[in-house]
Amino acid sequence: MHTYEREILHALPGVVDADICAVVQSDALGELPPEVTALVRSVSAGARRALASLRGFGPCDLVHGLDVDLPFRPMAPTVATVHDLAVFDAPWAFSARKAAGERLLVARVMRHADAIIAVSSFTADRIRTRFGRDSVVVHEAPSPDLHPPDDQEIASVRTHF
């Protein structure tokens, strides 16, 4: 499970009055907070993961694709979070197969999502330029256990280096 997904799933139960379910691969099951109901899928990657993400999971009030994955027939309003468009902007950084598959997934989500969240203004601009869609910018926040260093920690690092 990615940091963004883990952190948002840990934060949501404290701020929304809703039953929260998350589709997770079996190897990430231990990362969910107890307040989140797991819909477990087998571990997969690439095209198999993409195809599994298209499968529905029953009725709900809202579907949020935390990493651009949305079911084929969600049966509810949908929101997709877009972290970047690297598979379009830097396809050479991926295997040709992965880049092609991810481009298909992202393009499908851009056509069908009811709302799109971009994690930065840059990503929102790329979404608008490439797909003609507006998105809401919601910056990623640091984990609650991260904090600015105090003066002593800064001095220690400066002395060391």
Protein backbone atom coordinates (compact mmCIF):
# COMPACT_ATOMS: atom_id res chain seq x y z
CA MET A 1 0.00 0.00 0.00
CA HIS A 2 1.34 3.44 -0.89
CA THR A 3 1.88 6.12 1.75
CA TYR A 4 -0.96 8.31 0.43
CA GLU A 5 -3.44 5.45 0.56
CA ARG A 6 -2.36 4.30 4.01
CA GLU A 7 -2.46 7.80 5.51
CA ILE A 8 -5.85 8.77 4.09
CA LEU A 9 -7.39 5.48 5.21
CA HIS A 10 -6.04 6.06 8.72
CA ALA A 11 -7.34 9.67 8.80
CA LEU A 12 -10.83 9.23 7.33
CA PRO A 13 -12.52 7.30 10.16
CA GLY A 14 -11.88 10.22 12.52
CA VAL A 15 -13.33 12.88 10.24
CA VAL A 16 -16.23 11.28 8.33
CA ASP A 17 -19.36 9.66 9.66
CA ALA A 18 -19.49 6.76 7.22
CA ASP A 19 -18.70 3.11 6.88
CA ILE A 20 -15.41 2.93 5.02
CA CYS A 21 -14.38 -0.05 2.91
CA ALA A 22 -11.11 -0.38 1.04
CA VAL A 23 -10.19 -2.78 -1.72
CA VAL A 24 -6.71 -3.98 -0.79
CA GLN A 25 -4.35 -6.68 -1.88
CA SER A 26 -3.87 -9.39 0.71
CA ASP A 27 -0.27 -8.36 1.43
CA ALA A 28 -1.45 -4.89 2.58
CA LEU A 29 -4.23 -6.09 4.85
CA GLY A 30 -2.25 -5.40 8.02
CA GLU A 31 -1.86 -1.73 7.10
CA LEU A 32 -5.57 -0.93 7.38
CA PRO A 33 -6.93 0.60 10.59
CA PRO A 34 -9.54 -1.54 12.35
CA GLU A 35 -12.33 0.93 11.46
CA VAL A 36 -11.92 0.21 7.74
CA THR A 37 -13.53 -2.89 6.28
CA ALA A 38 -11.22 -4.72 3.89
CA LEU A 39 -12.35 -6.11 0.57
CA VAL A 40 -9.40 -8.38 -0.07
CA ARG A 41 -8.00 -9.12 -3.52
CA SER A 42 -5.08 -11.38 -4.33
CA VAL A 43 -1.65 -9.84 -4.86
CA SER A 44 -1.13 -8.86 -8.48
CA ALA A 45 0.73 -6.33 -10.58
CA GLY A 46 0.61 -4.81 -14.02
CA ALA A 47 -2.22 -5.86 -16.29
CA ARG A 48 -3.64 -8.34 -13.77
CA ARG A 49 -3.86 -5.62 -11.11
CA ALA A 50 -5.44 -3.25 -13.61
CA LEU A 51 -8.05 -5.81 -14.62
CA ALA A 52 -8.79 -6.63 -10.97
CA SER A 53 -9.34 -2.93 -10.25
CA LEU A 54 -12.06 -2.80 -12.92
CA ARG A 55 -14.10 -5.41 -11.03
CA GLY A 56 -16.91 -3.98 -8.94
CA PHE A 57 -17.46 -4.63 -5.26
CA GLY A 58 -21.12 -3.97 -4.56
CA PRO A 59 -23.28 -1.00 -3.65
CA CYS A 60 -21.81 2.01 -1.86
CA ASP A 61 -22.34 5.77 -1.60
CA LEU A 62 -19.02 6.91 -3.08
CA VAL A 63 -16.05 5.30 -4.81
CA HIS A 64 -12.67 7.00 -4.44
CA GLY A 65 -9.88 5.63 -6.61
CA LEU A 66 -6.86 6.58 -4.49
CA ASP A 67 -4.47 5.78 -7.32
CA VAL A 68 -6.52 6.30 -10.49
CA ASP A 69 -8.22 2.89 -10.30
CA LEU A 70 -12.02 2.86 -10.60
CA PRO A 71 -14.28 -0.12 -11.16
CA PHE A 72 -15.84 -0.55 -14.59
CA ARG A 73 -19.37 -0.14 -13.19
CA PRO A 74 -19.01 1.62 -9.85
CA MET A 75 -22.77 1.99 -9.05
CA ALA A 76 -21.99 5.24 -7.17
CA PRO A 77 -20.43 8.66 -7.79
CA THR A 78 -16.69 8.44 -8.35
CA VAL A 79 -13.62 10.45 -7.38
CA ALA A 80 -10.13 9.67 -8.64
CA THR A 81 -6.86 10.94 -7.21
CA VAL A 82 -4.15 11.59 -9.79
CA HIS A 83 -0.61 11.78 -8.44
CA ASP A 84 1.08 12.45 -11.78
CA LEU A 85 0.90 11.74 -15.49
CA ALA A 86 4.37 10.22 -15.73
CA VAL A 87 3.19 7.42 -18.03
CA PHE A 88 2.36 10.13 -20.57
CA ASP A 89 5.14 12.62 -19.79
CA ALA A 90 8.04 10.19 -19.31
CA PRO A 91 6.97 6.85 -20.82
CA TRP A 92 10.61 5.81 -21.23
CA ALA A 93 10.79 5.43 -17.43
CA PHE A 94 8.42 2.42 -17.61
CA SER A 95 8.34 -0.82 -19.53
CA ALA A 96 6.45 -0.31 -22.78
CA ARG A 97 3.72 -2.67 -21.61
CA LYS A 98 3.25 -0.98 -18.23
CA ALA A 99 3.19 2.50 -19.77
CA ALA A 100 0.60 1.44 -22.37
CA GLY A 101 -1.62 -0.24 -19.78
CA GLU A 102 -1.42 2.64 -17.32
CA ARG A 103 -2.16 5.15 -20.10
CA LEU A 104 -5.34 3.22 -20.94
CA LEU A 105 -6.41 3.16 -17.26
CA VAL A 106 -5.73 6.86 -16.73
CA ALA A 107 -7.49 7.87 -19.96
CA ARG A 108 -10.53 5.78 -18.99
CA VAL A 109 -10.68 7.37 -15.54
CA MET A 110 -10.38 10.85 -17.06
CA ARG A 111 -13.43 10.11 -19.23
CA HIS A 112 -15.58 8.58 -16.49
CA ALA A 113 -14.70 9.99 -13.05
CA ASP A 114 -17.27 12.37 -11.64
CA ALA A 115 -14.54 14.37 -9.87
CA ILE A 116 -10.77 14.40 -10.05
CA ILE A 117 -8.29 15.29 -7.32
CA ALA A 118 -4.79 16.38 -8.34
CA VAL A 119 -2.06 16.35 -5.70
CA SER A 120 -0.40 19.50 -7.06
CA SER A 121 -1.08 22.50 -9.26
CA PHE A 122 1.39 21.07 -11.77
CA THR A 123 -0.59 17.82 -12.01
CA ALA A 124 -3.86 19.78 -12.30
CA ASP A 125 -2.36 21.75 -15.21
CA ARG A 126 -1.21 18.53 -16.90
CA ILE A 127 -4.70 17.02 -16.50
CA ARG A 128 -6.31 20.11 -18.02
CA THR A 129 -3.81 20.24 -20.89
CA ARG A 130 -3.92 16.54 -21.78
CA PHE A 131 -7.55 15.67 -21.00
CA GLY A 132 -9.43 18.98 -20.84
CA ARG A 133 -10.67 18.15 -17.34
CA ASP A 134 -10.66 20.37 -14.32
CA SER A 135 -9.51 18.92 -11.03
CA VAL A 136 -9.43 20.01 -7.42
CA VAL A 137 -5.94 20.40 -5.98
CA VAL A 138 -5.56 18.71 -2.62
CA HIS A 139 -1.95 18.76 -1.51
CA GLU A 140 -0.63 15.69 0.20
CA ALA A 141 0.07 16.24 3.86
CA PRO A 142 2.93 14.70 5.79
CA SER A 143 2.31 11.80 8.10
CA PRO A 144 1.39 12.92 11.65
CA ASP A 145 4.63 11.42 12.95
CA LEU A 146 6.70 13.78 10.77
CA HIS A 147 7.61 17.16 12.22
CA PRO A 148 10.11 19.93 11.52
CA PRO A 149 13.44 19.35 13.22
CA ASP A 150 14.22 21.40 16.29
CA ASP A 151 17.33 23.61 16.56
CA GLN A 152 19.36 20.88 18.30
CA GLU A 153 18.62 18.33 15.54
CA ILE A 154 19.62 20.87 12.87
CA ALA A 155 22.85 21.71 14.69
CA SER A 156 23.67 18.02 15.04
CA VAL A 157 23.24 17.39 11.30
CA ARG A 158 25.27 20.49 10.42
CA THR A 159 28.07 19.37 12.73
CA HIS A 160 28.04 15.87 11.30
CA PHE A 161 28.14 16.98 7.68
